[in-house]
Amino acid sequence: MSTVPEQKNQIVISPSTISTTQISKYFDIEIKKLNQIFLELRWLKRKYFLWLVTTELGKEKGAVKEHREIQWSREILGDRELILAIKDAKNDSIEIDPTAYKIQVYTKYQNEGYTLWDYSKEKGEYDRNIHFVAKKDKDVLLIHCKVDEEDVSLDEVLSFRENKQAFISENPVFAIYNIRIKYIMSSFSLTEEAFAYLQKNNDLISYELLK
């Protein structure tokens, strides 16, 4: 029986579309900054002030939302308007100093009458995701200061909740207090799933924007 010869030299065709994540890697720009550019170009718009959806201008660039990710025509990589906007954004980019931001958070809660324990300084930057323990009367907040560009995922939120129980086990003196978990953010940095979870469990874990 004859068989079809194996082809050693196969032609690889590049996909005709590219995702926002891939575009951000291509241009070496944070995905949130890239989405802001798409908003300014009116290729995307916000739905309910939070989530991004395509516009008619965006659709002209091949924008289609698939599985929570927006796909674009690969030709967008050569779009002059986008290239100039990214260049301007990189020149104007100002990163937030994490140390300065933590001092800002510390000062805010201190002024509101809380006694603060600089937990990350004593226990380590990433221990339990807790930067500060803020206490006032019978209320205690386990605070995480969020300054990077990555969105907080649902898995991270659930992990933070589990860390609360570990914190109480390691510090049983706090077991008699009303303990809540809180993200303090310089900008809105939550995935849709994480945001929905926080909305349903606001009495246990919440977030606050502090610019």
N, C-alpha and C. Protein backbone atom coordinates (compact mmCIF):
# COMPACT_ATOMS: atom_id res chain seq x y z
N MET A 1 0.84 -1.19 0.00
CA MET A 1 0.00 0.00 0.00
C MET A 1 0.88 1.24 0.00
N SER A 2 0.61 2.14 -0.91
CA SER A 2 1.40 3.36 -0.97
C SER A 2 0.94 4.34 0.09
N THR A 3 1.85 5.17 0.54
CA THR A 3 1.53 6.19 1.54
C THR A 3 1.92 7.55 1.00
N VAL A 4 1.28 8.59 1.57
CA VAL A 4 1.60 9.95 1.17
C VAL A 4 2.93 10.35 1.78
N PRO A 5 3.87 10.80 0.99
CA PRO A 5 5.18 11.18 1.54
C PRO A 5 5.03 12.30 2.56
N GLU A 6 5.83 12.23 3.61
CA GLU A 6 5.82 13.28 4.64
C GLU A 6 6.44 14.55 4.07
N GLN A 7 5.77 15.66 4.28
CA GLN A 7 6.27 16.94 3.79
C GLN A 7 7.20 17.55 4.83
N LYS A 8 8.44 17.75 4.46
CA LYS A 8 9.42 18.30 5.40
C LYS A 8 9.42 19.83 5.40
N ASN A 9 9.08 20.43 4.29
CA ASN A 9 9.08 21.88 4.19
C ASN A 9 7.65 22.40 4.15
N GLN A 10 7.11 22.71 5.33
CA GLN A 10 5.74 23.19 5.42
C GLN A 10 5.72 24.71 5.49
N ILE A 11 4.71 25.28 4.87
CA ILE A 11 4.55 26.73 4.89
C ILE A 11 3.71 27.12 6.10
N VAL A 12 4.25 28.00 6.95
CA VAL A 12 3.53 28.46 8.13
C VAL A 12 2.92 29.82 7.83
N ILE A 13 1.61 29.90 7.94
CA ILE A 13 0.91 31.15 7.67
C ILE A 13 0.61 31.86 8.98
N SER A 14 1.01 33.12 9.09
CA SER A 14 0.76 33.88 10.32
C SER A 14 -0.73 34.10 10.49
N PRO A 15 -1.22 34.03 11.71
CA PRO A 15 -2.64 34.30 11.95
C PRO A 15 -3.02 35.69 11.45
N SER A 16 -4.25 35.83 11.00
CA SER A 16 -4.69 37.13 10.49
C SER A 16 -5.10 38.07 11.60
N THR A 17 -5.23 37.55 12.83
CA THR A 17 -5.63 38.38 13.97
C THR A 17 -4.56 38.33 15.06
N ILE A 18 -4.65 39.30 15.96
CA ILE A 18 -3.71 39.40 17.07
C ILE A 18 -4.45 39.97 18.27
N SER A 19 -4.17 39.46 19.46
CA SER A 19 -4.89 39.90 20.65
C SER A 19 -4.27 41.16 21.25
N THR A 20 -5.03 41.83 22.11
CA THR A 20 -4.51 43.01 22.80
C THR A 20 -3.27 42.66 23.61
N THR A 21 -3.29 41.49 24.25
CA THR A 21 -2.14 41.04 25.04
C THR A 21 -0.90 40.90 24.15
N GLN A 22 -1.08 40.33 22.97
CA GLN A 22 0.05 40.16 22.05
C GLN A 22 0.55 41.49 21.52
N ILE A 23 -0.38 42.43 21.30
CA ILE A 23 0.02 43.77 20.83
C ILE A 23 0.84 44.47 21.90
N SER A 24 0.43 44.33 23.16
CA SER A 24 1.16 44.99 24.25
C SER A 24 2.59 44.44 24.36
N LYS A 25 2.73 43.13 24.14
CA LYS A 25 4.07 42.53 24.18
C LYS A 25 4.90 42.98 22.98
N TYR A 26 4.25 43.08 21.83
CA TYR A 26 4.95 43.49 20.61
C TYR A 26 5.54 44.89 20.76
N PHE A 27 4.73 45.81 21.33
CA PHE A 27 5.18 47.20 21.48
C PHE A 27 5.84 47.46 22.84
N ASP A 28 5.94 46.42 23.67
CA ASP A 28 6.54 46.55 25.00
C ASP A 28 5.89 47.68 25.80
N ILE A 29 4.57 47.58 25.94
CA ILE A 29 3.82 48.58 26.69
C ILE A 29 2.82 47.84 27.59
N GLU A 30 2.60 48.38 28.78
CA GLU A 30 1.65 47.75 29.70
C GLU A 30 0.27 47.68 29.06
N ILE A 31 -0.43 46.58 29.29
CA ILE A 31 -1.71 46.36 28.64
C ILE A 31 -2.75 47.41 29.05
N LYS A 32 -2.68 47.90 30.30
CA LYS A 32 -3.64 48.92 30.72
C LYS A 32 -3.38 50.24 30.00
N LYS A 33 -2.11 50.56 29.75
CA LYS A 33 -1.77 51.77 29.00
C LYS A 33 -2.24 51.64 27.55
N LEU A 34 -2.08 50.42 27.01
CA LEU A 34 -2.51 50.19 25.63
C LEU A 34 -4.03 50.33 25.52
N ASN A 35 -4.76 49.77 26.46
CA ASN A 35 -6.22 49.91 26.44
C ASN A 35 -6.65 51.36 26.58
N GLN A 36 -5.90 52.14 27.36
CA GLN A 36 -6.21 53.57 27.49
C GLN A 36 -6.02 54.28 26.16
N ILE A 37 -5.01 53.87 25.41
CA ILE A 37 -4.78 54.44 24.08
C ILE A 37 -5.95 54.09 23.15
N PHE A 38 -6.40 52.83 23.21
CA PHE A 38 -7.54 52.42 22.39
C PHE A 38 -8.78 53.24 22.75
N LEU A 39 -8.94 53.56 24.03
CA LEU A 39 -10.08 54.38 24.46
C LEU A 39 -9.95 55.80 23.90
N GLU A 40 -8.75 56.35 23.96
CA GLU A 40 -8.52 57.72 23.46
C GLU A 40 -8.70 57.79 21.95
N LEU A 41 -8.34 56.71 21.27
CA LEU A 41 -8.53 56.66 19.81
C LEU A 41 -9.98 56.34 19.44
N ARG A 42 -10.78 56.01 20.46
CA ARG A 42 -12.19 55.64 20.29
C ARG A 42 -12.37 54.35 19.49
N TRP A 43 -11.38 53.48 19.61
CA TRP A 43 -11.50 52.15 19.02
C TRP A 43 -12.20 51.21 20.00
N LEU A 44 -12.15 51.58 21.29
CA LEU A 44 -12.87 50.88 22.34
C LEU A 44 -13.65 51.89 23.17
N LYS A 45 -14.62 51.42 23.92
CA LYS A 45 -15.34 52.26 24.87
C LYS A 45 -15.65 51.44 26.11
N ARG A 46 -15.99 52.11 27.19
CA ARG A 46 -16.29 51.41 28.43
C ARG A 46 -17.78 51.08 28.53
N LYS A 47 -18.06 49.91 29.07
CA LYS A 47 -19.43 49.49 29.34
C LYS A 47 -19.60 49.47 30.85
N TYR A 48 -20.62 50.15 31.34
CA TYR A 48 -20.86 50.28 32.78
C TYR A 48 -19.65 50.91 33.47
N PHE A 49 -18.92 51.76 32.75
CA PHE A 49 -17.77 52.50 33.26
C PHE A 49 -16.57 51.62 33.58
N LEU A 50 -16.65 50.31 33.35
CA LEU A 50 -15.58 49.41 33.75
C LEU A 50 -15.02 48.57 32.61
N TRP A 51 -15.89 47.82 31.91
CA TRP A 51 -15.41 46.82 30.94
C TRP A 51 -15.29 47.44 29.54
N LEU A 52 -14.38 46.91 28.77
CA LEU A 52 -14.11 47.43 27.44
C LEU A 52 -14.89 46.66 26.38
N VAL A 53 -15.49 47.41 25.45
CA VAL A 53 -16.17 46.81 24.31
C VAL A 53 -15.73 47.56 23.06
N THR A 54 -15.95 46.94 21.90
CA THR A 54 -15.50 47.54 20.65
C THR A 54 -16.46 48.63 20.17
N THR A 55 -15.93 49.58 19.40
CA THR A 55 -16.73 50.62 18.76
C THR A 55 -16.74 50.37 17.26
N GLU A 56 -17.47 51.20 16.53
CA GLU A 56 -17.48 51.06 15.06
C GLU A 56 -16.09 51.34 14.49
N LEU A 57 -15.39 52.33 15.09
CA LEU A 57 -14.02 52.62 14.63
C LEU A 57 -13.11 51.42 14.91
N GLY A 58 -13.30 50.80 16.08
CA GLY A 58 -12.50 49.63 16.41
C GLY A 58 -12.77 48.47 15.49
N LYS A 59 -14.04 48.29 15.13
CA LYS A 59 -14.39 47.19 14.23
C LYS A 59 -13.73 47.37 12.87
N GLU A 60 -13.52 48.63 12.48
CA GLU A 60 -12.82 48.90 11.22
C GLU A 60 -11.36 48.42 11.29
N LYS A 61 -10.85 48.31 12.52
CA LYS A 61 -9.49 47.80 12.74
C LYS A 61 -9.50 46.29 13.00
N GLY A 62 -10.67 45.68 12.80
CA GLY A 62 -10.81 44.23 12.99
C GLY A 62 -11.12 43.81 14.40
N ALA A 63 -11.47 44.77 15.29
CA ALA A 63 -11.69 44.44 16.70
C ALA A 63 -12.94 43.59 16.90
N VAL A 64 -12.74 42.45 17.55
CA VAL A 64 -13.83 41.53 17.90
C VAL A 64 -13.52 40.97 19.28
N LYS A 65 -14.50 40.96 20.18
CA LYS A 65 -14.27 40.41 21.52
C LYS A 65 -14.57 38.93 21.52
N GLU A 66 -13.55 38.14 21.91
CA GLU A 66 -13.69 36.69 21.96
C GLU A 66 -13.14 36.17 23.28
N HIS A 67 -14.01 35.52 24.06
CA HIS A 67 -13.59 34.92 25.34
C HIS A 67 -12.89 35.95 26.23
N ARG A 68 -13.53 37.12 26.38
CA ARG A 68 -13.05 38.21 27.25
C ARG A 68 -11.78 38.88 26.75
N GLU A 69 -11.30 38.50 25.57
CA GLU A 69 -10.11 39.11 24.99
C GLU A 69 -10.49 39.72 23.66
N ILE A 70 -9.95 40.90 23.36
CA ILE A 70 -10.26 41.55 22.09
C ILE A 70 -9.19 41.20 21.06
N GLN A 71 -9.66 40.72 19.92
CA GLN A 71 -8.79 40.38 18.80
C GLN A 71 -8.84 41.51 17.77
N TRP A 72 -7.70 41.76 17.13
CA TRP A 72 -7.59 42.83 16.13
C TRP A 72 -7.02 42.26 14.84
N SER A 73 -7.21 42.99 13.75
CA SER A 73 -6.54 42.62 12.51
C SER A 73 -5.04 42.80 12.71
N ARG A 74 -4.25 41.85 12.22
CA ARG A 74 -2.80 41.91 12.43
C ARG A 74 -2.18 43.15 11.78
N GLU A 75 -2.89 43.74 10.84
CA GLU A 75 -2.39 44.95 10.18
C GLU A 75 -2.26 46.12 11.14
N ILE A 76 -2.88 46.00 12.31
CA ILE A 76 -2.84 47.08 13.28
C ILE A 76 -1.40 47.36 13.76
N LEU A 77 -0.53 46.36 13.65
CA LEU A 77 0.85 46.54 14.07
C LEU A 77 1.58 47.61 13.27
N GLY A 78 1.07 47.89 12.07
CA GLY A 78 1.68 48.92 11.24
C GLY A 78 0.86 50.20 11.18
N ASP A 79 -0.19 50.28 12.01
CA ASP A 79 -1.06 51.45 11.99
C ASP A 79 -0.31 52.67 12.52
N ARG A 80 -0.16 53.70 11.68
CA ARG A 80 0.63 54.87 12.05
C ARG A 80 0.02 55.61 13.23
N GLU A 81 -1.30 55.73 13.26
CA GLU A 81 -1.97 56.43 14.35
C GLU A 81 -1.69 55.75 15.70
N LEU A 82 -1.74 54.44 15.69
CA LEU A 82 -1.47 53.69 16.92
C LEU A 82 -0.01 53.80 17.32
N ILE A 83 0.89 53.68 16.38
CA ILE A 83 2.33 53.76 16.66
C ILE A 83 2.68 55.10 17.29
N LEU A 84 2.16 56.20 16.74
CA LEU A 84 2.44 57.54 17.28
C LEU A 84 1.85 57.69 18.68
N ALA A 85 0.65 57.15 18.89
CA ALA A 85 0.01 57.24 20.20
C ALA A 85 0.81 56.48 21.25
N ILE A 86 1.32 55.31 20.89
CA ILE A 86 2.13 54.51 21.82
C ILE A 86 3.44 55.23 22.14
N LYS A 87 4.04 55.83 21.13
CA LYS A 87 5.28 56.57 21.34
C LYS A 87 5.06 57.72 22.31
N ASP A 88 3.97 58.46 22.14
CA ASP A 88 3.66 59.57 23.04
C ASP A 88 3.39 59.07 24.45
N ALA A 89 2.68 57.95 24.56
CA ALA A 89 2.34 57.39 25.88
C ALA A 89 3.60 56.97 26.62
N LYS A 90 4.55 56.39 25.92
CA LYS A 90 5.80 55.97 26.56
C LYS A 90 6.61 57.17 27.04
N ASN A 91 6.58 58.23 26.27
CA ASN A 91 7.32 59.43 26.67
C ASN A 91 6.70 60.10 27.89
N ASP A 92 5.35 59.97 28.02
CA ASP A 92 4.64 60.64 29.12
C ASP A 92 4.44 59.72 30.33
N SER A 93 4.89 58.47 30.22
CA SER A 93 4.62 57.50 31.28
C SER A 93 5.33 57.86 32.58
N ILE A 94 4.57 57.87 33.67
CA ILE A 94 5.12 58.14 34.99
C ILE A 94 4.74 56.99 35.91
N GLU A 95 5.72 56.28 36.41
CA GLU A 95 5.44 55.15 37.28
C GLU A 95 5.29 55.61 38.73
N ILE A 96 4.41 54.94 39.45
CA ILE A 96 4.17 55.25 40.85
C ILE A 96 5.24 54.58 41.69
N ASP A 97 5.83 55.33 42.60
CA ASP A 97 6.82 54.80 43.52
C ASP A 97 6.09 53.98 44.59
N PRO A 98 6.30 52.65 44.65
CA PRO A 98 5.58 51.81 45.63
C PRO A 98 5.79 52.28 47.07
N THR A 99 7.02 52.68 47.41
CA THR A 99 7.31 53.12 48.78
C THR A 99 6.54 54.39 49.12
N ALA A 100 6.54 55.34 48.19
CA ALA A 100 5.82 56.60 48.41
C ALA A 100 4.32 56.36 48.53
N TYR A 101 3.82 55.40 47.72
CA TYR A 101 2.38 55.12 47.77
C TYR A 101 1.99 54.49 49.10
N LYS A 102 2.82 53.61 49.61
CA LYS A 102 2.54 52.98 50.91
C LYS A 102 2.55 54.03 52.03
N ILE A 103 3.45 54.98 51.93
CA ILE A 103 3.48 56.07 52.92
C ILE A 103 2.18 56.87 52.84
N GLN A 104 1.69 57.09 51.62
CA GLN A 104 0.42 57.80 51.43
C GLN A 104 -0.74 57.04 52.07
N VAL A 105 -0.77 55.73 51.88
CA VAL A 105 -1.82 54.90 52.49
C VAL A 105 -1.70 54.93 54.02
N TYR A 106 -0.49 54.77 54.51
CA TYR A 106 -0.23 54.78 55.95
C TYR A 106 -0.73 56.08 56.57
N THR A 107 -0.39 57.19 55.93
CA THR A 107 -0.77 58.51 56.45
C THR A 107 -2.29 58.70 56.45
N LYS A 108 -2.94 58.24 55.39
CA LYS A 108 -4.40 58.35 55.29
C LYS A 108 -5.10 57.69 56.47
N TYR A 109 -4.73 56.44 56.75
CA TYR A 109 -5.40 55.71 57.82
C TYR A 109 -4.98 56.20 59.21
N GLN A 110 -3.76 56.65 59.32
CA GLN A 110 -3.31 57.24 60.58
C GLN A 110 -4.13 58.49 60.90
N ASN A 111 -4.39 59.31 59.87
CA ASN A 111 -5.18 60.53 60.05
C ASN A 111 -6.65 60.21 60.38
N GLU A 112 -7.10 59.01 60.00
CA GLU A 112 -8.47 58.60 60.28
C GLU A 112 -8.61 57.93 61.64
N GLY A 113 -7.52 57.94 62.42
CA GLY A 113 -7.59 57.43 63.78
C GLY A 113 -7.21 55.97 63.97
N TYR A 114 -6.64 55.36 62.93
CA TYR A 114 -6.22 53.96 63.04
C TYR A 114 -4.80 53.86 63.63
N THR A 115 -4.56 52.81 64.35
CA THR A 115 -3.20 52.43 64.77
C THR A 115 -2.69 51.42 63.76
N LEU A 116 -1.52 51.67 63.18
CA LEU A 116 -1.04 50.82 62.08
C LEU A 116 0.19 50.02 62.45
N TRP A 117 0.20 48.79 61.97
CA TRP A 117 1.34 47.90 62.09
C TRP A 117 1.89 47.70 60.68
N ASP A 118 3.14 48.11 60.47
CA ASP A 118 3.77 47.94 59.15
C ASP A 118 4.17 46.47 59.01
N TYR A 119 3.20 45.67 58.64
CA TYR A 119 3.34 44.21 58.63
C TYR A 119 4.39 43.77 57.60
N SER A 120 4.39 44.38 56.43
CA SER A 120 5.31 43.95 55.37
C SER A 120 6.76 44.26 55.75
N LYS A 121 6.97 45.34 56.49
CA LYS A 121 8.32 45.70 56.91
C LYS A 121 8.86 44.69 57.91
N GLU A 122 7.98 44.20 58.78
CA GLU A 122 8.41 43.25 59.81
C GLU A 122 8.44 41.81 59.31
N LYS A 123 7.44 41.43 58.50
CA LYS A 123 7.29 40.04 58.11
C LYS A 123 7.81 39.73 56.71
N GLY A 124 7.99 40.76 55.89
CA GLY A 124 8.42 40.52 54.51
C GLY A 124 7.41 41.05 53.52
N GLU A 125 7.87 41.53 52.40
CA GLU A 125 7.04 42.22 51.41
C GLU A 125 5.84 41.41 50.95
N TYR A 126 6.01 40.12 50.75
CA TYR A 126 4.94 39.32 50.14
C TYR A 126 4.25 38.38 51.13
N ASP A 127 4.58 38.50 52.41
CA ASP A 127 3.99 37.60 53.38
C ASP A 127 2.50 37.86 53.55
N ARG A 128 1.67 36.87 53.20
CA ARG A 128 0.22 36.95 53.35
C ARG A 128 -0.43 38.06 52.53
N ASN A 129 0.29 38.69 51.62
CA ASN A 129 -0.25 39.79 50.82
C ASN A 129 -0.62 41.01 51.67
N ILE A 130 -0.19 41.05 52.91
CA ILE A 130 -0.57 42.12 53.83
C ILE A 130 0.57 43.13 53.96
N HIS A 131 0.28 44.39 53.64
CA HIS A 131 1.26 45.45 53.85
C HIS A 131 1.07 46.13 55.20
N PHE A 132 -0.19 46.43 55.54
CA PHE A 132 -0.48 47.08 56.81
C PHE A 132 -1.61 46.37 57.55
N VAL A 133 -1.53 46.37 58.87
CA VAL A 133 -2.64 45.97 59.72
C VAL A 133 -3.10 47.25 60.43
N ALA A 134 -4.33 47.69 60.12
CA ALA A 134 -4.86 48.94 60.67
C ALA A 134 -5.96 48.62 61.68
N LYS A 135 -5.82 49.14 62.91
CA LYS A 135 -6.77 48.83 63.98
C LYS A 135 -7.39 50.11 64.53
N LYS A 136 -8.71 50.10 64.69
CA LYS A 136 -9.42 51.19 65.36
C LYS A 136 -10.58 50.58 66.13
N ASP A 137 -10.54 50.72 67.45
CA ASP A 137 -11.54 50.10 68.33
C ASP A 137 -11.55 48.59 68.08
N LYS A 138 -12.72 48.02 67.71
CA LYS A 138 -12.81 46.59 67.49
C LYS A 138 -12.67 46.20 66.01
N ASP A 139 -12.37 47.18 65.17
CA ASP A 139 -12.24 46.91 63.73
C ASP A 139 -10.77 46.83 63.32
N VAL A 140 -10.48 45.84 62.49
CA VAL A 140 -9.11 45.66 61.98
C VAL A 140 -9.18 45.48 60.46
N LEU A 141 -8.30 46.16 59.75
CA LEU A 141 -8.18 46.03 58.30
C LEU A 141 -6.84 45.40 57.96
N LEU A 142 -6.87 44.38 57.12
CA LEU A 142 -5.65 43.82 56.54
C LEU A 142 -5.52 44.45 55.16
N ILE A 143 -4.54 45.32 54.98
CA ILE A 143 -4.46 46.16 53.78
C ILE A 143 -3.35 45.72 52.83
N HIS A 144 -3.70 45.62 51.56
CA HIS A 144 -2.72 45.38 50.51
C HIS A 144 -2.69 46.62 49.60
N CYS A 145 -1.51 47.21 49.43
CA CYS A 145 -1.36 48.39 48.58
C CYS A 145 -1.02 47.95 47.16
N LYS A 146 -1.90 48.23 46.22
CA LYS A 146 -1.77 47.76 44.84
C LYS A 146 -1.31 48.92 43.95
N VAL A 147 -0.09 48.82 43.40
CA VAL A 147 0.41 49.91 42.57
C VAL A 147 0.85 49.48 41.18
N ASP A 148 0.97 48.16 40.93
CA ASP A 148 1.42 47.72 39.61
C ASP A 148 0.24 47.72 38.63
N GLU A 149 0.53 47.42 37.37
CA GLU A 149 -0.46 47.54 36.30
C GLU A 149 -1.31 46.28 36.11
N GLU A 150 -0.90 45.17 36.71
CA GLU A 150 -1.63 43.92 36.52
C GLU A 150 -2.94 43.91 37.29
N ASP A 151 -4.01 43.42 36.66
CA ASP A 151 -5.30 43.32 37.33
C ASP A 151 -5.28 42.21 38.38
N VAL A 152 -5.96 42.45 39.49
CA VAL A 152 -6.11 41.43 40.52
C VAL A 152 -7.12 40.39 40.02
N SER A 153 -6.73 39.13 40.02
CA SER A 153 -7.60 38.06 39.55
C SER A 153 -8.45 37.51 40.69
N LEU A 154 -9.45 36.72 40.33
CA LEU A 154 -10.29 36.08 41.34
C LEU A 154 -9.46 35.14 42.21
N ASP A 155 -8.53 34.42 41.61
CA ASP A 155 -7.68 33.51 42.38
C ASP A 155 -6.89 34.27 43.44
N GLU A 156 -6.40 35.46 43.09
CA GLU A 156 -5.65 36.27 44.05
C GLU A 156 -6.54 36.73 45.20
N VAL A 157 -7.79 37.10 44.87
CA VAL A 157 -8.73 37.53 45.90
C VAL A 157 -9.02 36.38 46.86
N LEU A 158 -9.26 35.19 46.32
CA LEU A 158 -9.55 34.03 47.16
C LEU A 158 -8.34 33.66 48.02
N SER A 159 -7.16 33.81 47.45
CA SER A 159 -5.94 33.53 48.19
C SER A 159 -5.78 34.51 49.36
N PHE A 160 -6.11 35.78 49.10
CA PHE A 160 -6.02 36.80 50.14
C PHE A 160 -6.99 36.48 51.28
N ARG A 161 -8.18 35.99 50.93
CA ARG A 161 -9.14 35.60 51.96
C ARG A 161 -8.61 34.45 52.81
N GLU A 162 -7.96 33.50 52.17
CA GLU A 162 -7.37 32.40 52.92
C GLU A 162 -6.26 32.89 53.84
N ASN A 163 -5.54 33.91 53.39
CA ASN A 163 -4.45 34.46 54.20
C ASN A 163 -4.96 35.09 55.48
N LYS A 164 -6.20 35.55 55.47
CA LYS A 164 -6.80 36.11 56.67
C LYS A 164 -6.83 35.07 57.78
N GLN A 165 -7.26 33.85 57.46
CA GLN A 165 -7.33 32.79 58.46
C GLN A 165 -5.94 32.43 58.96
N ALA A 166 -4.97 32.40 58.05
CA ALA A 166 -3.59 32.10 58.45
C ALA A 166 -3.06 33.20 59.36
N PHE A 167 -3.41 34.45 59.05
CA PHE A 167 -2.97 35.58 59.88
C PHE A 167 -3.51 35.46 61.30
N ILE A 168 -4.79 35.10 61.43
CA ILE A 168 -5.41 34.95 62.74
C ILE A 168 -4.76 33.80 63.51
N SER A 169 -4.46 32.71 62.81
CA SER A 169 -3.81 31.57 63.46
C SER A 169 -2.45 31.95 64.00
N GLU A 170 -1.73 32.78 63.26
CA GLU A 170 -0.39 33.18 63.67
C GLU A 170 -0.43 34.32 64.70
N ASN A 171 -1.57 35.06 64.71
CA ASN A 171 -1.71 36.20 65.62
C ASN A 171 -3.06 36.09 66.34
N PRO A 172 -3.20 35.09 67.22
CA PRO A 172 -4.51 34.82 67.85
C PRO A 172 -5.09 35.97 68.65
N VAL A 173 -4.27 36.95 69.02
CA VAL A 173 -4.79 38.10 69.76
C VAL A 173 -5.83 38.87 68.94
N PHE A 174 -5.78 38.71 67.59
CA PHE A 174 -6.71 39.43 66.72
C PHE A 174 -8.03 38.68 66.52
N ALA A 175 -8.14 37.49 67.07
CA ALA A 175 -9.33 36.67 66.84
C ALA A 175 -10.61 37.32 67.39
N ILE A 176 -10.48 38.20 68.38
CA ILE A 176 -11.66 38.82 68.99
C ILE A 176 -12.12 40.06 68.22
N TYR A 177 -11.36 40.44 67.18
CA TYR A 177 -11.69 41.66 66.44
C TYR A 177 -12.49 41.36 65.17
N ASN A 178 -13.15 42.38 64.67
CA ASN A 178 -13.86 42.30 63.40
C ASN A 178 -12.85 42.59 62.29
N ILE A 179 -12.40 41.54 61.61
CA ILE A 179 -11.32 41.68 60.63
C ILE A 179 -11.87 41.67 59.21
N ARG A 180 -11.48 42.68 58.43
CA ARG A 180 -11.85 42.75 57.03
C ARG A 180 -10.58 42.91 56.20
N ILE A 181 -10.67 42.49 54.94
CA ILE A 181 -9.53 42.57 54.02
C ILE A 181 -9.79 43.69 53.02
N LYS A 182 -8.75 44.44 52.66
CA LYS A 182 -8.98 45.58 51.76
C LYS A 182 -7.79 45.78 50.82
N TYR A 183 -8.13 45.95 49.53
CA TYR A 183 -7.15 46.38 48.53
C TYR A 183 -7.23 47.90 48.41
N ILE A 184 -6.08 48.57 48.48
CA ILE A 184 -6.02 50.00 48.20
C ILE A 184 -5.29 50.14 46.86
N MET A 185 -5.94 50.78 45.86
CA MET A 185 -5.42 50.81 44.50
C MET A 185 -5.21 52.23 44.01
N SER A 186 -4.16 52.43 43.23
CA SER A 186 -3.93 53.73 42.61
C SER A 186 -4.79 53.90 41.36
N SER A 187 -5.28 52.79 40.80
CA SER A 187 -6.21 52.82 39.67
C SER A 187 -7.02 51.53 39.71
N PHE A 188 -8.13 51.50 38.99
CA PHE A 188 -8.98 50.31 39.01
C PHE A 188 -8.23 49.14 38.39
N SER A 189 -7.98 48.10 39.19
CA SER A 189 -7.15 46.98 38.75
C SER A 189 -7.77 45.66 39.16
N LEU A 190 -8.96 45.36 38.64
CA LEU A 190 -9.65 44.12 38.96
C LEU A 190 -10.18 43.48 37.68
N THR A 191 -10.07 42.16 37.61
CA THR A 191 -10.73 41.47 36.50
C THR A 191 -12.24 41.48 36.75
N GLU A 192 -13.02 41.15 35.72
CA GLU A 192 -14.48 41.12 35.88
C GLU A 192 -14.90 40.14 36.96
N GLU A 193 -14.25 38.96 36.99
CA GLU A 193 -14.61 37.95 37.98
C GLU A 193 -14.29 38.41 39.39
N ALA A 194 -13.12 39.05 39.56
CA ALA A 194 -12.73 39.54 40.88
C ALA A 194 -13.67 40.64 41.36
N PHE A 195 -14.03 41.55 40.43
CA PHE A 195 -14.93 42.64 40.78
C PHE A 195 -16.30 42.10 41.21
N ALA A 196 -16.82 41.13 40.47
CA ALA A 196 -18.12 40.55 40.81
C ALA A 196 -18.07 39.89 42.18
N TYR A 197 -16.97 39.21 42.48
CA TYR A 197 -16.83 38.55 43.78
C TYR A 197 -16.79 39.57 44.91
N LEU A 198 -16.05 40.65 44.71
CA LEU A 198 -15.96 41.69 45.74
C LEU A 198 -17.32 42.35 45.99
N GLN A 199 -18.09 42.51 44.93
CA GLN A 199 -19.41 43.10 45.07
C GLN A 199 -20.32 42.22 45.94
N LYS A 200 -20.18 40.91 45.81
CA LYS A 200 -21.03 39.98 46.55
C LYS A 200 -20.54 39.77 47.98
N ASN A 201 -19.26 40.04 48.23
CA ASN A 201 -18.67 39.76 49.55
C ASN A 201 -18.06 41.02 50.16
N ASN A 202 -18.70 42.14 49.93
CA ASN A 202 -18.17 43.43 50.36
C ASN A 202 -18.02 43.54 51.88
N ASP A 203 -18.78 42.73 52.62
CA ASP A 203 -18.69 42.78 54.07
C ASP A 203 -17.42 42.10 54.59
N LEU A 204 -16.76 41.31 53.73
CA LEU A 204 -15.58 40.58 54.13
C LEU A 204 -14.29 41.10 53.46
N ILE A 205 -14.42 41.50 52.20
CA ILE A 205 -13.25 41.95 51.44
C ILE A 205 -13.69 43.03 50.46
N SER A 206 -12.92 44.10 50.36
CA SER A 206 -13.33 45.24 49.53
C SER A 206 -12.10 45.90 48.90
N TYR A 207 -12.36 46.95 48.12
CA TYR A 207 -11.28 47.71 47.52
C TYR A 207 -11.59 49.20 47.60
N GLU A 208 -10.56 50.00 47.51
CA GLU A 208 -10.71 51.46 47.52
C GLU A 208 -9.68 52.07 46.57
N LEU A 209 -10.11 53.06 45.78
CA LEU A 209 -9.19 53.78 44.91
C LEU A 209 -8.61 54.97 45.66
N LEU A 210 -7.31 55.05 45.69
CA LEU A 210 -6.62 56.17 46.33
C LEU A 210 -5.52 56.65 45.40
N LYS A 211 -5.72 57.82 44.81
CA LYS A 211 -4.75 58.34 43.82
C LYS A 211 -3.85 59.38 44.48
